[in-house]
């Protein structure tokens, strides 16, 4: 449900969150929920501003019961530096707000309060989002760091498994709380949200890897150059295994050899991707080379 626009970006809120806000207000916790809402909006706004500064096309902000999501139409994941900057902007603004608030307390402008919602919300949102697990911001940073060495698809898989592990931890914490005679459904709801989002990220990994080719063409067109990376592969290696070796921001040249390391020939990254489109991902690179 659309509730407004921020810096030209539509802001949508889930019906579930609306219901939870109404319940909180009914229970007399309106001020607390308004404070938390402001903290979440500051977090998501930071993502939007950095994305726009990097010339990204931001489609919408979606507010969910356990946080928010900024939908960026540009494939920003393919530029590790951009992904890190956008990811860290959210927790970064929460840390800045927390430090600023602490400074105001020390100056006596704001009365100290150990149970202050504003301080706790900023601290928890920053720390939780920095955990190295997709779909959290820390997971995006982890993926960007790993992608240069192991490729986007494998890096996404690693970070997504981090999300699944965190989901399991939340569920186990909820069960332990029940054992201690304390029932908190938020643990199970958060566990489900993390698992669903992590699996969704994992499913998009292949799509992002294919889009990488178009992204690299754009870089060459704009900048006139792109760093290369060479791979040496056996002639019987399937194309699907070769493309897993590709990393962002590098254009790959593939040297095809036999088991005696005799050179059969050369292919480039575009030929590998076109081969997958034309013949399927299971065709051996040697057959693609002979069929040129």
C-alpha atoms as a PDB file:
ATOM      1  CA  UNK A   1       0.000   0.000   0.000  1.00  0.00           C
ATOM      2  CA  UNK A   2       1.491   3.330  -1.075  1.00  0.00           C
ATOM      3  CA  UNK A   3       1.734   5.926   1.691  1.00  0.00           C
ATOM      4  CA  UNK A   4       3.769   8.608  -0.035  1.00  0.00           C
ATOM      5  CA  UNK A   5       6.938   9.498  -1.887  1.00  0.00           C
ATOM      6  CA  UNK A   6      10.469  10.277  -0.694  1.00  0.00           C
ATOM      7  CA  UNK A   7      13.029  11.924  -2.994  1.00  0.00           C
ATOM      8  CA  UNK A   8      10.910  10.849  -5.934  1.00  0.00           C
ATOM      9  CA  UNK A   9      10.715   7.236  -4.730  1.00  0.00           C
ATOM     10  CA  UNK A  10       7.387   5.588  -3.875  1.00  0.00           C
ATOM     11  CA  UNK A  11       7.077   4.426  -0.262  1.00  0.00           C
ATOM     12  CA  UNK A  12       4.896   1.345   0.223  1.00  0.00           C
ATOM     13  CA  UNK A  13       3.900  -0.303   3.486  1.00  0.00           C
ATOM     14  CA  UNK A  14       2.721  -3.866   3.973  1.00  0.00           C
ATOM     15  CA  UNK A  15      -0.793  -4.435   5.302  1.00  0.00           C
ATOM     16  CA  UNK A  16       0.660  -6.614   8.068  1.00  0.00           C
ATOM     17  CA  UNK A  17       2.763  -3.707   9.317  1.00  0.00           C
ATOM     18  CA  UNK A  18      -0.266  -1.398   9.242  1.00  0.00           C
ATOM     19  CA  UNK A  19      -2.180  -3.866  11.420  1.00  0.00           C
ATOM     20  CA  UNK A  20       0.735  -4.110  13.873  1.00  0.00           C
ATOM     21  CA  UNK A  21       0.969  -0.307  14.096  1.00  0.00           C
ATOM     22  CA  UNK A  22      -2.763  -0.031  14.821  1.00  0.00           C
ATOM     23  CA  UNK A  23      -2.472  -2.680  17.546  1.00  0.00           C
ATOM     24  CA  UNK A  24       0.527  -0.877  19.089  1.00  0.00           C
ATOM     25  CA  UNK A  25      -1.369   2.423  19.146  1.00  0.00           C
ATOM     26  CA  UNK A  26      -4.392   0.686  20.696  1.00  0.00           C
ATOM     27  CA  UNK A  27      -2.113  -0.708  23.426  1.00  0.00           C
ATOM     28  CA  UNK A  28      -0.819   2.776  24.228  1.00  0.00           C
ATOM     29  CA  UNK A  29       2.581   2.386  22.547  1.00  0.00           C
ATOM     30  CA  UNK A  30       2.039   4.954  19.815  1.00  0.00           C
ATOM     31  CA  UNK A  31       5.064   7.082  20.729  1.00  0.00           C
ATOM     32  CA  UNK A  32       7.343   4.048  20.782  1.00  0.00           C
ATOM     33  CA  UNK A  33       6.131   2.784  17.402  1.00  0.00           C
ATOM     34  CA  UNK A  34       6.487   6.278  15.887  1.00  0.00           C
ATOM     35  CA  UNK A  35      10.093   6.432  17.084  1.00  0.00           C
ATOM     36  CA  UNK A  36      10.900   3.008  15.643  1.00  0.00           C
ATOM     37  CA  UNK A  37       9.190   3.971  12.372  1.00  0.00           C
ATOM     38  CA  UNK A  38      11.394   7.080  12.122  1.00  0.00           C
ATOM     39  CA  UNK A  39      14.541   5.016  12.733  1.00  0.00           C
ATOM     40  CA  UNK A  40      13.574   2.518  10.030  1.00  0.00           C
ATOM     41  CA  UNK A  41      12.793   5.318   7.571  1.00  0.00           C
ATOM     42  CA  UNK A  42      16.168   6.948   8.255  1.00  0.00           C
ATOM     43  CA  UNK A  43      17.848   3.602   7.552  1.00  0.00           C
ATOM     44  CA  UNK A  44      16.051   3.079   4.233  1.00  0.00           C
ATOM     45  CA  UNK A  45      16.443   6.733   3.198  1.00  0.00           C
ATOM     46  CA  UNK A  46      20.215   6.414   3.578  1.00  0.00           C
ATOM     47  CA  UNK A  47      20.174   3.460   1.165  1.00  0.00           C
ATOM     48  CA  UNK A  48      18.135   5.514  -1.321  1.00  0.00           C
ATOM     49  CA  UNK A  49      20.337   8.616  -1.156  1.00  0.00           C
ATOM     50  CA  UNK A  50      23.558   6.667  -1.696  1.00  0.00           C
ATOM     51  CA  UNK A  51      21.998   4.668  -4.537  1.00  0.00           C
ATOM     52  CA  UNK A  52      20.852   7.875  -6.230  1.00  0.00           C
ATOM     53  CA  UNK A  53      24.288   9.436  -5.719  1.00  0.00           C
ATOM     54  CA  UNK A  54      25.718   6.429  -7.574  1.00  0.00           C
ATOM     55  CA  UNK A  55      23.254   7.056 -10.441  1.00  0.00           C
ATOM     56  CA  UNK A  56      21.101   4.022  -9.615  1.00  0.00           C
ATOM     57  CA  UNK A  57      17.417   3.848 -10.529  1.00  0.00           C
ATOM     58  CA  UNK A  58      15.527   3.353  -7.254  1.00  0.00           C
ATOM     59  CA  UNK A  59      12.018   1.991  -7.851  1.00  0.00           C
ATOM     60  CA  UNK A  60      10.482   1.926  -4.363  1.00  0.00           C
ATOM     61  CA  UNK A  61      10.887   1.623  -0.617  1.00  0.00           C
ATOM     62  CA  UNK A  62       8.863  -1.168   0.958  1.00  0.00           C
ATOM     63  CA  UNK A  63       8.293  -1.142   4.713  1.00  0.00           C
ATOM     64  CA  UNK A  64       7.841  -4.597   6.227  1.00  0.00           C
ATOM     65  CA  UNK A  65       7.162  -5.833   9.784  1.00  0.00           C
ATOM     66  CA  UNK A  66      10.845  -6.663  10.323  1.00  0.00           C
ATOM     67  CA  UNK A  67      12.470  -3.817   8.451  1.00  0.00           C
ATOM     68  CA  UNK A  68      12.382  -2.462   4.952  1.00  0.00           C
ATOM     69  CA  UNK A  69      13.608  -3.086   1.449  1.00  0.00           C
ATOM     70  CA  UNK A  70      14.801  -0.678  -1.213  1.00  0.00           C
ATOM     71  CA  UNK A  71      14.141  -2.002  -4.704  1.00  0.00           C
ATOM     72  CA  UNK A  72      16.839  -0.860  -7.102  1.00  0.00           C
ATOM     73  CA  UNK A  73      16.206  -1.548 -10.779  1.00  0.00           C
ATOM     74  CA  UNK A  74      19.882  -1.232 -11.708  1.00  0.00           C
ATOM     75  CA  UNK A  75      21.917  -4.414 -11.194  1.00  0.00           C
ATOM     76  CA  UNK A  76      24.056  -2.765  -8.509  1.00  0.00           C
ATOM     77  CA  UNK A  77      25.296  -6.125  -7.190  1.00  0.00           C
ATOM     78  CA  UNK A  78      27.611  -6.400 -10.189  1.00  0.00           C
ATOM     79  CA  UNK A  79      29.738  -3.519  -8.931  1.00  0.00           C
ATOM     80  CA  UNK A  80      31.134  -4.642  -5.556  1.00  0.00           C
ATOM     81  CA  UNK A  81      32.102  -1.118  -4.478  1.00  0.00           C
ATOM     82  CA  UNK A  82      28.613   0.209  -5.204  1.00  0.00           C
ATOM     83  CA  UNK A  83      26.969  -2.670  -3.362  1.00  0.00           C
ATOM     84  CA  UNK A  84      29.165  -2.131  -0.296  1.00  0.00           C
ATOM     85  CA  UNK A  85      28.478   1.622  -0.251  1.00  0.00           C
ATOM     86  CA  UNK A  86      24.711   1.178  -0.579  1.00  0.00           C
ATOM     87  CA  UNK A  87      24.626  -1.626   2.003  1.00  0.00           C
ATOM     88  CA  UNK A  88      26.660   0.225   4.636  1.00  0.00           C
ATOM     89  CA  UNK A  89      24.669   3.450   4.262  1.00  0.00           C
ATOM     90  CA  UNK A  90      21.742   2.086   6.299  1.00  0.00           C
ATOM     91  CA  UNK A  91      23.628   0.873   9.386  1.00  0.00           C
ATOM     92  CA  UNK A  92      25.921   3.880   9.003  1.00  0.00           C
ATOM     93  CA  UNK A  93      23.126   6.414   9.470  1.00  0.00           C
ATOM     94  CA  UNK A  94      21.852   4.479  12.492  1.00  0.00           C
ATOM     95  CA  UNK A  95      25.298   4.680  14.087  1.00  0.00           C
ATOM     96  CA  UNK A  96      25.495   8.417  13.292  1.00  0.00           C
ATOM     97  CA  UNK A  97      22.067   9.001  14.854  1.00  0.00           C
ATOM     98  CA  UNK A  98      23.059   6.987  17.926  1.00  0.00           C
ATOM     99  CA  UNK A  99      26.316   8.915  18.385  1.00  0.00           C
ATOM    100  CA  UNK A 100      24.557  12.236  17.833  1.00  0.00           C
ATOM    101  CA  UNK A 101      21.896  11.345  20.371  1.00  0.00           C
ATOM    102  CA  UNK A 102      24.544  10.279  22.898  1.00  0.00           C
ATOM    103  CA  UNK A 103      26.351  13.585  22.368  1.00  0.00           C
ATOM    104  CA  UNK A 104      23.132  15.513  23.065  1.00  0.00           C
ATOM    105  CA  UNK A 105      22.693  13.499  26.266  1.00  0.00           C
ATOM    106  CA  UNK A 106      26.258  14.273  27.374  1.00  0.00           C
ATOM    107  CA  UNK A 107      25.675  17.973  26.714  1.00  0.00           C
ATOM    108  CA  UNK A 108      22.555  17.864  28.859  1.00  0.00           C
ATOM    109  CA  UNK A 109      20.288  18.817  25.959  1.00  0.00           C
ATOM    110  CA  UNK A 110      18.505  15.469  26.167  1.00  0.00           C
ATOM    111  CA  UNK A 111      17.814  13.731  29.478  1.00  0.00           C
ATOM    112  CA  UNK A 112      19.661  10.386  29.806  1.00  0.00           C
ATOM    113  CA  UNK A 113      17.360   7.386  29.747  1.00  0.00           C
ATOM    114  CA  UNK A 114      18.714   3.845  29.870  1.00  0.00           C
ATOM    115  CA  UNK A 115      15.483   2.514  28.370  1.00  0.00           C
ATOM    116  CA  UNK A 116      15.352   5.045  25.549  1.00  0.00           C
ATOM    117  CA  UNK A 117      13.609   3.614  22.481  1.00  0.00           C
ATOM    118  CA  UNK A 118      15.458   5.836  20.005  1.00  0.00           C
ATOM    119  CA  UNK A 119      18.911   4.736  21.158  1.00  0.00           C
ATOM    120  CA  UNK A 120      18.002   1.054  21.404  1.00  0.00           C
ATOM    121  CA  UNK A 121      16.292   0.994  18.010  1.00  0.00           C
ATOM    122  CA  UNK A 122      19.300   2.541  16.256  1.00  0.00           C
ATOM    123  CA  UNK A 123      21.759   0.250  18.020  1.00  0.00           C
ATOM    124  CA  UNK A 124      19.811  -2.947  17.356  1.00  0.00           C
ATOM    125  CA  UNK A 125      19.037  -2.063  13.730  1.00  0.00           C
ATOM    126  CA  UNK A 126      22.679  -1.262  12.992  1.00  0.00           C
ATOM    127  CA  UNK A 127      24.127  -4.344  14.702  1.00  0.00           C
ATOM    128  CA  UNK A 128      21.545  -6.783  13.344  1.00  0.00           C
ATOM    129  CA  UNK A 129      21.875  -5.521   9.777  1.00  0.00           C
ATOM    130  CA  UNK A 130      25.659  -5.837   9.868  1.00  0.00           C
ATOM    131  CA  UNK A 131      25.450  -9.614  10.396  1.00  0.00           C
ATOM    132  CA  UNK A 132      27.029 -11.373   7.370  1.00  0.00           C
ATOM    133  CA  UNK A 133      23.834 -12.985   6.110  1.00  0.00           C
ATOM    134  CA  UNK A 134      21.548 -12.226   3.169  1.00  0.00           C
ATOM    135  CA  UNK A 135      19.162 -10.430   2.943  1.00  0.00           C
ATOM    136  CA  UNK A 136      20.780  -8.212   5.593  1.00  0.00           C
ATOM    137  CA  UNK A 137      23.180  -5.405   4.687  1.00  0.00           C
ATOM    138  CA  UNK A 138      26.109  -7.323   6.146  1.00  0.00           C
ATOM    139  CA  UNK A 139      25.288 -10.205   3.817  1.00  0.00           C
ATOM    140  CA  UNK A 140      25.483  -7.859   0.828  1.00  0.00           C
ATOM    141  CA  UNK A 141      28.881  -6.631   1.987  1.00  0.00           C
ATOM    142  CA  UNK A 142      30.058 -10.232   2.382  1.00  0.00           C
ATOM    143  CA  UNK A 143      28.815 -11.103  -1.121  1.00  0.00           C
ATOM    144  CA  UNK A 144      30.570  -8.094  -2.646  1.00  0.00           C
ATOM    145  CA  UNK A 145      33.863  -9.046  -0.976  1.00  0.00           C
ATOM    146  CA  UNK A 146      33.649 -12.724  -1.963  1.00  0.00           C
ATOM    147  CA  UNK A 147      32.415 -12.111  -5.521  1.00  0.00           C
ATOM    148  CA  UNK A 148      35.789 -10.891  -6.787  1.00  0.00           C
ATOM    149  CA  UNK A 149      37.389 -14.234  -5.915  1.00  0.00           C
ATOM    150  CA  UNK A 150      34.661 -16.865  -6.258  1.00  0.00           C
ATOM    151  CA  UNK A 151      32.114 -15.257  -8.584  1.00  0.00           C
ATOM    152  CA  UNK A 152      28.697 -13.726  -8.009  1.00  0.00           C
ATOM    153  CA  UNK A 153      26.689 -16.956  -7.964  1.00  0.00           C
ATOM    154  CA  UNK A 154      28.843 -18.748  -5.404  1.00  0.00           C
ATOM    155  CA  UNK A 155      29.210 -15.595  -3.289  1.00  0.00           C
ATOM    156  CA  UNK A 156      25.428 -15.180  -3.227  1.00  0.00           C
ATOM    157  CA  UNK A 157      25.014 -18.821  -2.213  1.00  0.00           C
ATOM    158  CA  UNK A 158      27.477 -18.439   0.679  1.00  0.00           C
ATOM    159  CA  UNK A 159      25.788 -15.270   1.964  1.00  0.00           C
ATOM    160  CA  UNK A 160      22.322 -16.828   1.539  1.00  0.00           C
ATOM    161  CA  UNK A 161      23.360 -19.835   3.624  1.00  0.00           C
ATOM    162  CA  UNK A 162      24.371 -17.321   6.273  1.00  0.00           C
ATOM    163  CA  UNK A 163      20.771 -16.088   6.204  1.00  0.00           C
ATOM    164  CA  UNK A 164      19.439 -19.625   6.580  1.00  0.00           C
ATOM    165  CA  UNK A 165      21.744 -20.262   9.539  1.00  0.00           C
ATOM    166  CA  UNK A 166      20.576 -17.022  11.164  1.00  0.00           C
ATOM    167  CA  UNK A 167      16.970 -18.071  10.497  1.00  0.00           C
ATOM    168  CA  UNK A 168      17.603 -21.380  12.260  1.00  0.00           C
ATOM    169  CA  UNK A 169      19.223 -19.562  15.182  1.00  0.00           C
ATOM    170  CA  UNK A 170      16.155 -17.324  15.557  1.00  0.00           C
ATOM    171  CA  UNK A 171      13.831 -20.328  15.536  1.00  0.00           C
ATOM    172  CA  UNK A 172      15.972 -22.129  18.133  1.00  0.00           C
ATOM    173  CA  UNK A 173      15.986 -18.997  20.295  1.00  0.00           C
ATOM    174  CA  UNK A 174      12.196 -18.900  20.098  1.00  0.00           C
ATOM    175  CA  UNK A 175      11.973 -22.548  21.148  1.00  0.00           C
ATOM    176  CA  UNK A 176      14.366 -21.943  24.040  1.00  0.00           C
ATOM    177  CA  UNK A 177      12.216 -19.004  25.146  1.00  0.00           C
ATOM    178  CA  UNK A 178       9.173 -21.300  25.167  1.00  0.00           C
ATOM    179  CA  UNK A 179      11.166 -23.804  27.244  1.00  0.00           C
ATOM    180  CA  UNK A 180      11.816 -20.953  29.697  1.00  0.00           C
ATOM    181  CA  UNK A 181       8.037 -20.319  29.711  1.00  0.00           C
ATOM    182  CA  UNK A 182       8.296 -17.128  27.629  1.00  0.00           C
ATOM    183  CA  UNK A 183       6.459 -17.051  24.301  1.00  0.00           C
ATOM    184  CA  UNK A 184       7.613 -14.460  21.768  1.00  0.00           C
ATOM    185  CA  UNK A 185       6.214 -15.043  18.258  1.00  0.00           C
ATOM    186  CA  UNK A 186       8.601 -12.455  16.814  1.00  0.00           C
ATOM    187  CA  UNK A 187      11.440 -14.989  16.838  1.00  0.00           C
ATOM    188  CA  UNK A 188       9.484 -17.355  14.605  1.00  0.00           C
ATOM    189  CA  UNK A 189       8.162 -14.609  12.326  1.00  0.00           C
ATOM    190  CA  UNK A 190      11.665 -13.212  11.874  1.00  0.00           C
ATOM    191  CA  UNK A 191      13.009 -16.711  11.269  1.00  0.00           C
ATOM    192  CA  UNK A 192      10.467 -17.262   8.499  1.00  0.00           C
ATOM    193  CA  UNK A 193      11.185 -13.875   6.944  1.00  0.00           C
ATOM    194  CA  UNK A 194      14.939 -14.496   6.904  1.00  0.00           C
ATOM    195  CA  UNK A 195      14.585 -17.982   5.411  1.00  0.00           C
ATOM    196  CA  UNK A 196      12.208 -16.807   2.675  1.00  0.00           C
ATOM    197  CA  UNK A 197      14.376 -13.811   1.771  1.00  0.00           C
ATOM    198  CA  UNK A 198      17.635 -15.808   1.781  1.00  0.00           C
ATOM    199  CA  UNK A 199      16.182 -18.437  -0.557  1.00  0.00           C
ATOM    200  CA  UNK A 200      14.842 -15.687  -2.821  1.00  0.00           C
ATOM    201  CA  UNK A 201      18.314 -14.116  -3.029  1.00  0.00           C
ATOM    202  CA  UNK A 202      19.823 -17.510  -3.825  1.00  0.00           C
ATOM    203  CA  UNK A 203      17.362 -18.038  -6.691  1.00  0.00           C
ATOM    204  CA  UNK A 204      18.286 -14.710  -8.300  1.00  0.00           C
ATOM    205  CA  UNK A 205      22.017 -15.499  -8.358  1.00  0.00           C
ATOM    206  CA  UNK A 206      21.978 -17.077 -11.831  1.00  0.00           C
ATOM    207  CA  UNK A 207      20.007 -14.157 -13.252  1.00  0.00           C
ATOM    208  CA  UNK A 208      22.508 -11.669 -11.847  1.00  0.00           C
ATOM    209  CA  UNK A 209      25.420 -13.656 -13.290  1.00  0.00           C
ATOM    210  CA  UNK A 210      23.931 -13.534 -16.804  1.00  0.00           C
ATOM    211  CA  UNK A 211      23.164  -9.812 -16.497  1.00  0.00           C
ATOM    212  CA  UNK A 212      26.829  -9.346 -15.684  1.00  0.00           C
ATOM    213  CA  UNK A 213      27.670  -9.600 -19.394  1.00  0.00           C
ATOM    214  CA  UNK A 214      25.441  -6.664 -20.315  1.00  0.00           C
ATOM    215  CA  UNK A 215      26.837  -4.698 -17.397  1.00  0.00           C
ATOM    216  CA  UNK A 216      30.408  -5.236 -18.604  1.00  0.00           C
ATOM    217  CA  UNK A 217      29.505  -4.068 -22.097  1.00  0.00           C
ATOM    218  CA  UNK A 218      28.147  -0.873 -20.576  1.00  0.00           C
ATOM    219  CA  UNK A 219      31.376  -0.349 -18.633  1.00  0.00           C
ATOM    220  CA  UNK A 220      33.501  -0.766 -21.769  1.00  0.00           C
ATOM    221  CA  UNK A 221      31.237   1.636 -23.688  1.00  0.00           C
ATOM    222  CA  UNK A 222      31.419   4.291 -20.955  1.00  0.00           C
ATOM    223  CA  UNK A 223      34.979   3.895 -19.680  1.00  0.00           C
ATOM    224  CA  UNK A 224      36.683   2.475 -22.775  1.00  0.00           C
ATOM    225  CA  UNK A 225      38.479  -0.276 -20.844  1.00  0.00           C
ATOM    226  CA  UNK A 226      37.907  -3.192 -18.491  1.00  0.00           C
ATOM    227  CA  UNK A 227      40.394  -5.347 -16.592  1.00  0.00           C
ATOM    228  CA  UNK A 228      40.707  -8.883 -17.999  1.00  0.00           C
ATOM    229  CA  UNK A 229      41.046 -12.238 -16.260  1.00  0.00           C
ATOM    230  CA  UNK A 230      42.210 -15.484 -17.866  1.00  0.00           C
ATOM    231  CA  UNK A 231      40.949 -18.967 -17.052  1.00  0.00           C
ATOM    232  CA  UNK A 232      42.483 -22.278 -18.124  1.00  0.00           C
ATOM    233  CA  UNK A 233      39.866 -25.039 -18.423  1.00  0.00           C
ATOM    234  CA  UNK A 234      39.762 -28.643 -19.621  1.00  0.00           C
ATOM    235  CA  UNK A 235      38.058 -29.319 -22.948  1.00  0.00           C
ATOM    236  CA  UNK A 236      35.376 -31.504 -21.324  1.00  0.00           C
ATOM    237  CA  UNK A 237      34.272 -28.934 -18.745  1.00  0.00           C
ATOM    238  CA  UNK A 238      30.561 -27.964 -19.059  1.00  0.00           C
ATOM    239  CA  UNK A 239      29.829 -24.311 -19.778  1.00  0.00           C
ATOM    240  CA  UNK A 240      27.712 -24.092 -16.608  1.00  0.00           C
ATOM    241  CA  UNK A 241      30.825 -24.801 -14.515  1.00  0.00           C
ATOM    242  CA  UNK A 242      32.916 -22.257 -16.404  1.00  0.00           C
ATOM    243  CA  UNK A 243      30.443 -19.420 -15.910  1.00  0.00           C
ATOM    244  CA  UNK A 244      30.562 -20.068 -12.155  1.00  0.00           C
ATOM    245  CA  UNK A 245      34.215 -18.991 -12.260  1.00  0.00           C
ATOM    246  CA  UNK A 246      33.371 -15.550 -13.654  1.00  0.00           C
ATOM    247  CA  UNK A 247      33.740 -12.634 -11.249  1.00  0.00           C
ATOM    248  CA  UNK A 248      32.266  -9.118 -11.433  1.00  0.00           C
ATOM    249  CA  UNK A 249      34.117  -6.207 -13.012  1.00  0.00           C
ATOM    250  CA  UNK A 250      36.455  -8.497 -14.993  1.00  0.00           C
ATOM    251  CA  UNK A 251      36.207  -9.662 -18.606  1.00  0.00           C
ATOM    252  CA  UNK A 252      37.248 -13.295 -18.986  1.00  0.00           C
ATOM    253  CA  UNK A 253      39.281 -15.053 -21.644  1.00  0.00           C
ATOM    254  CA  UNK A 254      39.204 -18.842 -21.572  1.00  0.00           C
ATOM    255  CA  UNK A 255      42.115 -21.014 -22.669  1.00  0.00           C
ATOM    256  CA  UNK A 256      40.893 -24.542 -23.467  1.00  0.00           C
ATOM    257  CA  UNK A 257      43.380 -27.399 -22.912  1.00  0.00           C
ATOM    258  CA  UNK A 258      43.355 -31.204 -22.857  1.00  0.00           C
ATOM    259  CA  UNK A 259      44.533 -33.402 -19.995  1.00  0.00           C
ATOM    260  CA  UNK A 260      48.123 -33.073 -21.230  1.00  0.00           C
ATOM    261  CA  UNK A 261      47.702 -29.276 -21.051  1.00  0.00           C
ATOM    262  CA  UNK A 262      47.968 -28.945 -24.831  1.00  0.00           C
ATOM    263  CA  UNK A 263      46.099 -25.845 -25.975  1.00  0.00           C
ATOM    264  CA  UNK A 264      42.963 -26.473 -28.030  1.00  0.00           C
ATOM    265  CA  UNK A 265      42.020 -22.850 -28.517  1.00  0.00           C
ATOM    266  CA  UNK A 266      40.616 -19.715 -26.970  1.00  0.00           C
ATOM    267  CA  UNK A 267      37.153 -18.379 -26.187  1.00  0.00           C
ATOM    268  CA  UNK A 268      35.974 -15.210 -24.528  1.00  0.00           C
ATOM    269  CA  UNK A 269      33.264 -14.598 -21.964  1.00  0.00           C
ATOM    270  CA  UNK A 270      30.663 -13.522 -24.506  1.00  0.00           C
ATOM    271  CA  UNK A 271      31.149 -16.723 -26.519  1.00  0.00           C
ATOM    272  CA  UNK A 272      30.616 -18.813 -23.382  1.00  0.00           C
ATOM    273  CA  UNK A 273      27.351 -17.045 -22.549  1.00  0.00           C
ATOM    274  CA  UNK A 274      26.153 -17.213 -26.171  1.00  0.00           C
ATOM    275  CA  UNK A 275      27.015 -20.927 -26.164  1.00  0.00           C
ATOM    276  CA  UNK A 276      24.793 -21.459 -23.134  1.00  0.00           C
ATOM    277  CA  UNK A 277      21.958 -19.607 -24.848  1.00  0.00           C
ATOM    278  CA  UNK A 278      22.362 -21.563 -28.111  1.00  0.00           C
ATOM    279  CA  UNK A 279      23.246 -25.085 -26.937  1.00  0.00           C
ATOM    280  CA  UNK A 280      22.446 -25.250 -23.226  1.00  0.00           C
ATOM    281  CA  UNK A 281      24.556 -25.079 -20.091  1.00  0.00           C
ATOM    282  CA  UNK A 282      25.648 -28.741 -20.158  1.00  0.00           C
ATOM    283  CA  UNK A 283      27.550 -28.640 -23.460  1.00  0.00           C
ATOM    284  CA  UNK A 284      31.301 -29.179 -23.087  1.00  0.00           C
ATOM    285  CA  UNK A 285      33.523 -26.235 -23.898  1.00  0.00           C
ATOM    286  CA  UNK A 286      35.536 -28.370 -26.344  1.00  0.00           C
ATOM    287  CA  UNK A 287      32.430 -29.006 -28.448  1.00  0.00           C
ATOM    288  CA  UNK A 288      31.648 -25.290 -28.444  1.00  0.00           C
ATOM    289  CA  UNK A 289      35.195 -24.558 -29.567  1.00  0.00           C
ATOM    290  CA  UNK A 290      35.029 -27.061 -32.437  1.00  0.00           C
ATOM    291  CA  UNK A 291      31.628 -25.758 -33.526  1.00  0.00           C
ATOM    292  CA  UNK A 292      32.785 -22.185 -34.045  1.00  0.00           C
END
